Amino acid sequence: MQKYVIKNINRPDPQIISQFAELDVSTVYEAQGKTGLMSHELKPILQNKKICGPAVTAICMAGDNLMIHAAIEVCRPGDVLVITTIGECVAGMIGELIVSALIKRGVQGVVIDSGIRDVAKIRELGFPVWTKAVYSQGTSKTMGGWVNAPAVCGGAQVSPGDLIIADDDGVVVVRKEDLQSSLESSKRRILKEEDTKAKIERGEISVDFYGLRETLKKENVVYYEDESELLHHK
């Protein structure tokens, strides 16, 4: 299969990106039918950080970061660099120097299904990264791969220009073709949650407003007034 770099990709409209930037990962994931969520293994190195931007993808050979260097050149301000490897890898595929170069390019953050290093320095720089490993093992720069090819990162399919949203809860992908429908569903979910919050504030109970009593009954869950009543029925 030919290895390649695609320099220019179609990115979502900035207005729709700004609307998604107001949403959180859990809301978007739920709203688009519980799809697009990356693996729980990908953890943020910084808390209370959120990114939302188009994906530039880099597919590397395990333990080799040549294609990350190639990807830096094609990144634009606001992009999110999504890195994955052919073969399992926890080596430090990026560190302080690559992050410094990405900051210079205006990249928002990195999502990497591999390892990173120089974490203390990256935190000092305030650069958000979601990664599955922190490990000092070095890499080579000798094996070709792909930049802006369809990729799988953290178990989720990512195409170049798909929208990546990441926060303390994880990482979710919104496909380019689903942007409008996902946004509309997310807004509806927020309105529904506001209604739920109002019910809670009024003192209503979730087993009632979610209609869960019937489910409890179907599952043969029995209510007792106290432990003595339970003992009496044994």
C-alpha atoms as a PDB file:
ATOM      1  CA  MET A   1       0.000   0.000   0.000  1.00  0.00           C
ATOM      2  CA  GLN A   2       1.376   3.388  -1.000  1.00  0.00           C
ATOM      3  CA  LYS A   3       2.488   5.606   1.845  1.00  0.00           C
ATOM      4  CA  TYR A   4       1.550   9.253   1.493  1.00  0.00           C
ATOM      5  CA  VAL A   5       1.015  12.729   2.939  1.00  0.00           C
ATOM      6  CA  ILE A   6      -2.062  14.733   1.983  1.00  0.00           C
ATOM      7  CA  LYS A   7      -1.212  18.391   2.496  1.00  0.00           C
ATOM      8  CA  ASN A   8      -4.682  19.925   2.376  1.00  0.00           C
ATOM      9  CA  ILE A   9      -7.921  18.555   3.845  1.00  0.00           C
ATOM     10  CA  ASN A  10     -11.477  19.810   4.137  1.00  0.00           C
ATOM     11  CA  ARG A  11     -12.075  21.195   7.614  1.00  0.00           C
ATOM     12  CA  PRO A  12     -15.437  21.913   9.253  1.00  0.00           C
ATOM     13  CA  ASP A  13     -16.840  25.419   9.131  1.00  0.00           C
ATOM     14  CA  PRO A  14     -15.419  27.523  11.993  1.00  0.00           C
ATOM     15  CA  GLN A  15     -18.953  28.438  13.112  1.00  0.00           C
ATOM     16  CA  ILE A  16     -19.944  24.826  13.649  1.00  0.00           C
ATOM     17  CA  ILE A  17     -16.643  24.153  15.441  1.00  0.00           C
ATOM     18  CA  SER A  18     -17.354  27.047  17.814  1.00  0.00           C
ATOM     19  CA  GLN A  19     -20.785  25.588  18.603  1.00  0.00           C
ATOM     20  CA  PHE A  20     -19.325  22.166  19.364  1.00  0.00           C
ATOM     21  CA  ALA A  21     -16.680  23.850  21.536  1.00  0.00           C
ATOM     22  CA  GLU A  22     -19.494  24.712  23.975  1.00  0.00           C
ATOM     23  CA  LEU A  23     -20.360  21.020  24.385  1.00  0.00           C
ATOM     24  CA  ASP A  24     -18.708  18.295  26.447  1.00  0.00           C
ATOM     25  CA  VAL A  25     -17.584  14.830  25.355  1.00  0.00           C
ATOM     26  CA  SER A  26     -20.290  12.928  27.239  1.00  0.00           C
ATOM     27  CA  THR A  27     -23.097  15.040  25.776  1.00  0.00           C
ATOM     28  CA  VAL A  28     -21.890  14.607  22.194  1.00  0.00           C
ATOM     29  CA  TYR A  29     -21.216  10.886  22.604  1.00  0.00           C
ATOM     30  CA  GLU A  30     -24.696  10.246  24.020  1.00  0.00           C
ATOM     31  CA  ALA A  31     -26.387  12.543  21.506  1.00  0.00           C
ATOM     32  CA  GLN A  32     -24.924  10.769  18.488  1.00  0.00           C
ATOM     33  CA  GLY A  33     -26.181   7.386  19.629  1.00  0.00           C
ATOM     34  CA  LYS A  34     -23.310   6.368  21.894  1.00  0.00           C
ATOM     35  CA  THR A  35     -20.800   6.355  19.028  1.00  0.00           C
ATOM     36  CA  GLY A  36     -17.381   7.856  18.373  1.00  0.00           C
ATOM     37  CA  LEU A  37     -15.920   7.428  21.856  1.00  0.00           C
ATOM     38  CA  MET A  38     -12.244   6.522  22.057  1.00  0.00           C
ATOM     39  CA  SER A  39     -10.828   4.008  24.536  1.00  0.00           C
ATOM     40  CA  HIS A  40     -10.746   4.766  28.247  1.00  0.00           C
ATOM     41  CA  GLU A  41      -7.006   4.050  28.053  1.00  0.00           C
ATOM     42  CA  LEU A  42      -6.424   7.498  26.558  1.00  0.00           C
ATOM     43  CA  LYS A  43      -5.981   9.812  29.557  1.00  0.00           C
ATOM     44  CA  PRO A  44      -5.374  13.570  29.670  1.00  0.00           C
ATOM     45  CA  ILE A  45      -2.062  14.725  31.110  1.00  0.00           C
ATOM     46  CA  LEU A  46      -3.675  18.050  32.089  1.00  0.00           C
ATOM     47  CA  GLN A  47      -6.921  18.463  34.013  1.00  0.00           C
ATOM     48  CA  ASN A  48      -9.645  20.992  33.181  1.00  0.00           C
ATOM     49  CA  LYS A  49      -8.487  21.272  29.578  1.00  0.00           C
ATOM     50  CA  LYS A  50     -10.718  20.912  26.560  1.00  0.00           C
ATOM     51  CA  ILE A  51      -9.993  20.925  22.845  1.00  0.00           C
ATOM     52  CA  CYS A  52     -12.302  20.927  19.836  1.00  0.00           C
ATOM     53  CA  GLY A  53     -10.966  20.955  16.303  1.00  0.00           C
ATOM     54  CA  PRO A  54     -10.460  19.120  13.012  1.00  0.00           C
ATOM     55  CA  ALA A  55      -8.331  16.005  12.964  1.00  0.00           C
ATOM     56  CA  VAL A  56      -5.024  15.762  11.180  1.00  0.00           C
ATOM     57  CA  THR A  57      -4.102  12.079  11.282  1.00  0.00           C
ATOM     58  CA  ALA A  58      -0.637  10.535  11.470  1.00  0.00           C
ATOM     59  CA  ILE A  59      -0.228   6.773  11.112  1.00  0.00           C
ATOM     60  CA  CYS A  60       3.229   5.634  12.199  1.00  0.00           C
ATOM     61  CA  MET A  61       5.023   2.359  12.456  1.00  0.00           C
ATOM     62  CA  ALA A  62       5.335   1.277  16.089  1.00  0.00           C
ATOM     63  CA  GLY A  63       8.345   2.932  17.702  1.00  0.00           C
ATOM     64  CA  ASP A  64       8.990   5.302  14.785  1.00  0.00           C
ATOM     65  CA  ASN A  65       7.809   8.920  14.704  1.00  0.00           C
ATOM     66  CA  LEU A  66       8.860   9.941  11.184  1.00  0.00           C
ATOM     67  CA  MET A  67       5.262  10.614  10.127  1.00  0.00           C
ATOM     68  CA  ILE A  68       4.637  12.844  13.145  1.00  0.00           C
ATOM     69  CA  HIS A  69       7.400  15.111  11.874  1.00  0.00           C
ATOM     70  CA  ALA A  70       5.775  15.017   8.439  1.00  0.00           C
ATOM     71  CA  ALA A  71       2.394  15.860   9.978  1.00  0.00           C
ATOM     72  CA  ILE A  72       3.708  18.985  11.717  1.00  0.00           C
ATOM     73  CA  GLU A  73       4.158  20.646   8.333  1.00  0.00           C
ATOM     74  CA  VAL A  74       0.529  20.195   7.263  1.00  0.00           C
ATOM     75  CA  CYS A  75      -1.082  21.215  10.562  1.00  0.00           C
ATOM     76  CA  ARG A  76      -2.939  24.500  10.697  1.00  0.00           C
ATOM     77  CA  PRO A  77      -4.003  26.655  13.657  1.00  0.00           C
ATOM     78  CA  GLY A  78      -6.862  25.009  15.542  1.00  0.00           C
ATOM     79  CA  ASP A  79      -6.127  21.479  14.373  1.00  0.00           C
ATOM     80  CA  VAL A  80      -5.929  18.420  16.626  1.00  0.00           C
ATOM     81  CA  LEU A  81      -3.170  15.963  15.757  1.00  0.00           C
ATOM     82  CA  VAL A  82      -4.396  12.359  16.050  1.00  0.00           C
ATOM     83  CA  ILE A  83      -1.574   9.818  16.163  1.00  0.00           C
ATOM     84  CA  THR A  84      -1.801   6.048  15.930  1.00  0.00           C
ATOM     85  CA  THR A  85       0.615   3.242  15.161  1.00  0.00           C
ATOM     86  CA  ILE A  86       0.792   0.084  13.125  1.00  0.00           C
ATOM     87  CA  GLY A  87       1.548  -2.381  15.916  1.00  0.00           C
ATOM     88  CA  GLU A  88       1.229  -1.966  19.667  1.00  0.00           C
ATOM     89  CA  CYS A  89       3.397   0.834  21.002  1.00  0.00           C
ATOM     90  CA  VAL A  90       3.952   2.638  24.301  1.00  0.00           C
ATOM     91  CA  ALA A  91       7.256   4.327  23.407  1.00  0.00           C
ATOM     92  CA  GLY A  92       7.568   8.082  23.831  1.00  0.00           C
ATOM     93  CA  MET A  93       6.472   9.043  20.323  1.00  0.00           C
ATOM     94  CA  ILE A  94       6.338  12.756  21.139  1.00  0.00           C
ATOM     95  CA  GLY A  95       8.120  14.922  23.676  1.00  0.00           C
ATOM     96  CA  GLU A  96       8.922  18.530  24.461  1.00  0.00           C
ATOM     97  CA  LEU A  97      10.486  19.373  21.092  1.00  0.00           C
ATOM     98  CA  ILE A  98       7.624  18.055  18.959  1.00  0.00           C
ATOM     99  CA  VAL A  99       5.095  19.721  21.254  1.00  0.00           C
ATOM    100  CA  SER A 100       6.978  23.021  20.941  1.00  0.00           C
ATOM    101  CA  ALA A 101       6.796  22.710  17.153  1.00  0.00           C
ATOM    102  CA  LEU A 102       3.057  21.937  17.306  1.00  0.00           C
ATOM    103  CA  ILE A 103       2.441  24.959  19.532  1.00  0.00           C
ATOM    104  CA  LYS A 104       4.282  27.096  16.957  1.00  0.00           C
ATOM    105  CA  ARG A 105       1.896  25.763  14.298  1.00  0.00           C
ATOM    106  CA  GLY A 106      -1.139  26.661  16.425  1.00  0.00           C
ATOM    107  CA  VAL A 107      -2.195  23.060  17.066  1.00  0.00           C
ATOM    108  CA  GLN A 108      -4.722  22.765  19.920  1.00  0.00           C
ATOM    109  CA  GLY A 109      -3.625  19.409  21.252  1.00  0.00           C
ATOM    110  CA  VAL A 110      -2.707  15.795  20.555  1.00  0.00           C
ATOM    111  CA  VAL A 111      -4.614  12.542  20.871  1.00  0.00           C
ATOM    112  CA  ILE A 112      -2.201   9.619  20.676  1.00  0.00           C
ATOM    113  CA  ASP A 113      -2.855   5.894  20.887  1.00  0.00           C
ATOM    114  CA  SER A 114       0.702   5.335  22.057  1.00  0.00           C
ATOM    115  CA  GLY A 115       3.144   6.854  24.549  1.00  0.00           C
ATOM    116  CA  ILE A 116       4.668  10.253  25.225  1.00  0.00           C
ATOM    117  CA  ARG A 117       7.584  11.543  27.289  1.00  0.00           C
ATOM    118  CA  ASP A 118       8.867  14.844  28.737  1.00  0.00           C
ATOM    119  CA  VAL A 119       5.523  15.090  30.496  1.00  0.00           C
ATOM    120  CA  ALA A 120       6.645  17.652  33.095  1.00  0.00           C
ATOM    121  CA  LYS A 121       7.889  19.973  30.338  1.00  0.00           C
ATOM    122  CA  ILE A 122       4.714  19.475  28.281  1.00  0.00           C
ATOM    123  CA  ARG A 123       2.617  20.346  31.324  1.00  0.00           C
ATOM    124  CA  GLU A 124       4.702  23.483  31.842  1.00  0.00           C
ATOM    125  CA  LEU A 125       3.900  24.430  28.263  1.00  0.00           C
ATOM    126  CA  GLY A 126       0.204  23.902  29.034  1.00  0.00           C
ATOM    127  CA  PHE A 127      -0.275  21.716  25.969  1.00  0.00           C
ATOM    128  CA  PRO A 128      -3.172  19.228  26.162  1.00  0.00           C
ATOM    129  CA  VAL A 129      -2.399  15.607  25.307  1.00  0.00           C
ATOM    130  CA  TRP A 130      -4.548  12.488  25.654  1.00  0.00           C
ATOM    131  CA  THR A 131      -2.334   9.397  25.719  1.00  0.00           C
ATOM    132  CA  LYS A 132      -2.362   5.798  26.866  1.00  0.00           C
ATOM    133  CA  ALA A 133       1.204   5.723  28.228  1.00  0.00           C
ATOM    134  CA  VAL A 134       4.014   7.816  29.634  1.00  0.00           C
ATOM    135  CA  TYR A 135       7.317   6.141  28.902  1.00  0.00           C
ATOM    136  CA  SER A 136      10.846   7.379  28.217  1.00  0.00           C
ATOM    137  CA  GLN A 137      11.637   4.785  25.542  1.00  0.00           C
ATOM    138  CA  GLY A 138      12.903   6.553  22.433  1.00  0.00           C
ATOM    139  CA  THR A 139      11.905   6.141  18.802  1.00  0.00           C
ATOM    140  CA  SER A 140      13.481   5.996  15.354  1.00  0.00           C
ATOM    141  CA  LYS A 141      12.716   8.237  12.376  1.00  0.00           C
ATOM    142  CA  THR A 142      13.228   5.830   9.493  1.00  0.00           C
ATOM    143  CA  MET A 143       9.890   4.246   8.558  1.00  0.00           C
ATOM    144  CA  GLY A 144       7.258   5.792   6.346  1.00  0.00           C
ATOM    145  CA  GLY A 145       3.535   5.820   6.991  1.00  0.00           C
ATOM    146  CA  TRP A 146       0.618   8.107   6.320  1.00  0.00           C
ATOM    147  CA  VAL A 147      -0.525  11.639   7.084  1.00  0.00           C
ATOM    148  CA  ASN A 148      -4.189  12.456   6.569  1.00  0.00           C
ATOM    149  CA  ALA A 149      -5.279   8.921   5.811  1.00  0.00           C
ATOM    150  CA  PRO A 150      -8.262   7.276   7.532  1.00  0.00           C
ATOM    151  CA  ALA A 151      -7.058   5.951  10.880  1.00  0.00           C
ATOM    152  CA  VAL A 152      -8.203   4.050  13.947  1.00  0.00           C
ATOM    153  CA  CYS A 153      -7.242   5.692  17.227  1.00  0.00           C
ATOM    154  CA  GLY A 154      -8.333   4.387  20.599  1.00  0.00           C
ATOM    155  CA  GLY A 155     -10.685   1.992  18.823  1.00  0.00           C
ATOM    156  CA  ALA A 156     -12.519   4.790  16.986  1.00  0.00           C
ATOM    157  CA  GLN A 157     -12.451   5.465  13.261  1.00  0.00           C
ATOM    158  CA  VAL A 158     -11.043   8.910  12.433  1.00  0.00           C
ATOM    159  CA  SER A 159     -10.961  10.494   8.991  1.00  0.00           C
ATOM    160  CA  PRO A 160      -8.990  13.650   8.226  1.00  0.00           C
ATOM    161  CA  GLY A 161     -11.165  16.685   8.992  1.00  0.00           C
ATOM    162  CA  ASP A 162     -13.453  14.851  11.397  1.00  0.00           C
ATOM    163  CA  LEU A 163     -14.099  16.869  14.533  1.00  0.00           C
ATOM    164  CA  ILE A 164     -12.244  15.810  17.679  1.00  0.00           C
ATOM    165  CA  ILE A 165     -13.569  16.846  21.088  1.00  0.00           C
ATOM    166  CA  ALA A 166     -11.574  15.939  24.182  1.00  0.00           C
ATOM    167  CA  ASP A 167     -11.963  16.833  27.850  1.00  0.00           C
ATOM    168  CA  ASP A 168     -11.574  15.269  31.289  1.00  0.00           C
ATOM    169  CA  ASP A 169     -14.115  12.559  30.351  1.00  0.00           C
ATOM    170  CA  GLY A 170     -12.222  11.328  27.293  1.00  0.00           C
ATOM    171  CA  VAL A 171     -12.200  11.790  23.528  1.00  0.00           C
ATOM    172  CA  VAL A 172     -15.049  11.629  21.019  1.00  0.00           C
ATOM    173  CA  VAL A 173     -15.050  11.796  17.215  1.00  0.00           C
ATOM    174  CA  VAL A 174     -17.772  13.505  15.194  1.00  0.00           C
ATOM    175  CA  ARG A 175     -17.696  12.419  11.570  1.00  0.00           C
ATOM    176  CA  LYS A 176     -17.717  15.214   8.985  1.00  0.00           C
ATOM    177  CA  GLU A 177     -20.920  13.911   7.453  1.00  0.00           C
ATOM    178  CA  ASP A 178     -22.642  13.844  10.850  1.00  0.00           C
ATOM    179  CA  LEU A 179     -21.696  17.310  12.104  1.00  0.00           C
ATOM    180  CA  GLN A 180     -25.085  18.981  11.695  1.00  0.00           C
ATOM    181  CA  SER A 181     -27.175  16.072  12.955  1.00  0.00           C
ATOM    182  CA  SER A 182     -24.849  15.518  15.925  1.00  0.00           C
ATOM    183  CA  LEU A 183     -24.973  19.202  16.827  1.00  0.00           C
ATOM    184  CA  GLU A 184     -28.765  19.307  16.682  1.00  0.00           C
ATOM    185  CA  SER A 185     -29.044  16.130  18.784  1.00  0.00           C
ATOM    186  CA  SER A 186     -26.582  17.532  21.324  1.00  0.00           C
ATOM    187  CA  LYS A 187     -28.580  20.733  21.676  1.00  0.00           C
ATOM    188  CA  ARG A 188     -31.764  18.734  22.228  1.00  0.00           C
ATOM    189  CA  ARG A 189     -30.002  16.665  24.870  1.00  0.00           C
ATOM    190  CA  ILE A 190     -28.872  19.797  26.696  1.00  0.00           C
ATOM    191  CA  LEU A 191     -32.438  21.111  26.780  1.00  0.00           C
ATOM    192  CA  LYS A 192     -33.617  17.770  28.132  1.00  0.00           C
ATOM    193  CA  GLU A 193     -30.939  17.839  30.825  1.00  0.00           C
ATOM    194  CA  GLU A 194     -31.964  21.368  31.819  1.00  0.00           C
ATOM    195  CA  ASP A 195     -35.503  20.077  32.292  1.00  0.00           C
ATOM    196  CA  THR A 196     -34.159  17.198  34.401  1.00  0.00           C
ATOM    197  CA  LYS A 197     -32.152  19.612  36.555  1.00  0.00           C
ATOM    198  CA  ALA A 198     -35.312  21.634  37.143  1.00  0.00           C
ATOM    199  CA  LYS A 199     -37.151  18.499  38.272  1.00  0.00           C
ATOM    200  CA  ILE A 200     -34.354  17.651  40.696  1.00  0.00           C
ATOM    201  CA  GLU A 201     -34.435  21.197  42.032  1.00  0.00           C
ATOM    202  CA  ARG A 202     -38.174  20.818  42.657  1.00  0.00           C
ATOM    203  CA  GLY A 203     -37.445  17.704  44.703  1.00  0.00           C
ATOM    204  CA  GLU A 204     -38.711  15.168  42.182  1.00  0.00           C
ATOM    205  CA  ILE A 205     -37.158  11.690  42.295  1.00  0.00           C
ATOM    206  CA  SER A 206     -35.402  10.105  39.325  1.00  0.00           C
ATOM    207  CA  VAL A 207     -37.150   6.745  39.687  1.00  0.00           C
ATOM    208  CA  ASP A 208     -40.377   8.649  39.020  1.00  0.00           C
ATOM    209  CA  PHE A 209     -39.444  11.100  36.259  1.00  0.00           C
ATOM    210  CA  TYR A 210     -37.472   8.413  34.428  1.00  0.00           C
ATOM    211  CA  GLY A 211     -40.354   5.960  34.859  1.00  0.00           C
ATOM    212  CA  LEU A 212     -38.121   3.391  36.536  1.00  0.00           C
ATOM    213  CA  ARG A 213     -40.588   1.952  39.034  1.00  0.00           C
ATOM    214  CA  GLU A 214     -42.071  -0.321  36.393  1.00  0.00           C
ATOM    215  CA  THR A 215     -38.570  -1.518  35.450  1.00  0.00           C
ATOM    216  CA  LEU A 216     -37.807  -2.278  39.098  1.00  0.00           C
ATOM    217  CA  LYS A 217     -41.053  -4.214  39.283  1.00  0.00           C
ATOM    218  CA  LYS A 218     -40.240  -6.221  36.147  1.00  0.00           C
ATOM    219  CA  GLU A 219     -36.837  -7.031  37.649  1.00  0.00           C
ATOM    220  CA  ASN A 220     -38.583  -8.350  40.790  1.00  0.00           C
ATOM    221  CA  VAL A 221     -36.986  -5.749  43.047  1.00  0.00           C
ATOM    222  CA  VAL A 222     -38.977  -5.797  46.317  1.00  0.00           C
ATOM    223  CA  TYR A 223     -39.205  -2.841  48.730  1.00  0.00           C
ATOM    224  CA  TYR A 224     -39.137  -3.446  52.518  1.00  0.00           C
ATOM    225  CA  GLU A 225     -39.780  -0.823  55.173  1.00  0.00           C
ATOM    226  CA  ASP A 226     -36.764  -1.933  57.221  1.00  0.00           C
ATOM    227  CA  GLU A 227     -34.385  -4.833  57.886  1.00  0.00           C
ATOM    228  CA  SER A 228     -36.778  -6.546  60.289  1.00  0.00           C
ATOM    229  CA  GLU A 229     -39.386  -6.814  57.541  1.00  0.00           C
ATOM    230  CA  LEU A 230     -36.777  -8.339  55.245  1.00  0.00           C
ATOM    231  CA  LEU A 231     -35.847 -10.891  57.901  1.00  0.00           C
ATOM    232  CA  HIS A 232     -39.508 -11.718  58.416  1.00  0.00           C
ATOM    233  CA  HIS A 233     -39.903 -12.610  54.729  1.00  0.00           C
ATOM    234  CA  LYS A 234     -36.840 -14.864  54.563  1.00  0.00           C
END
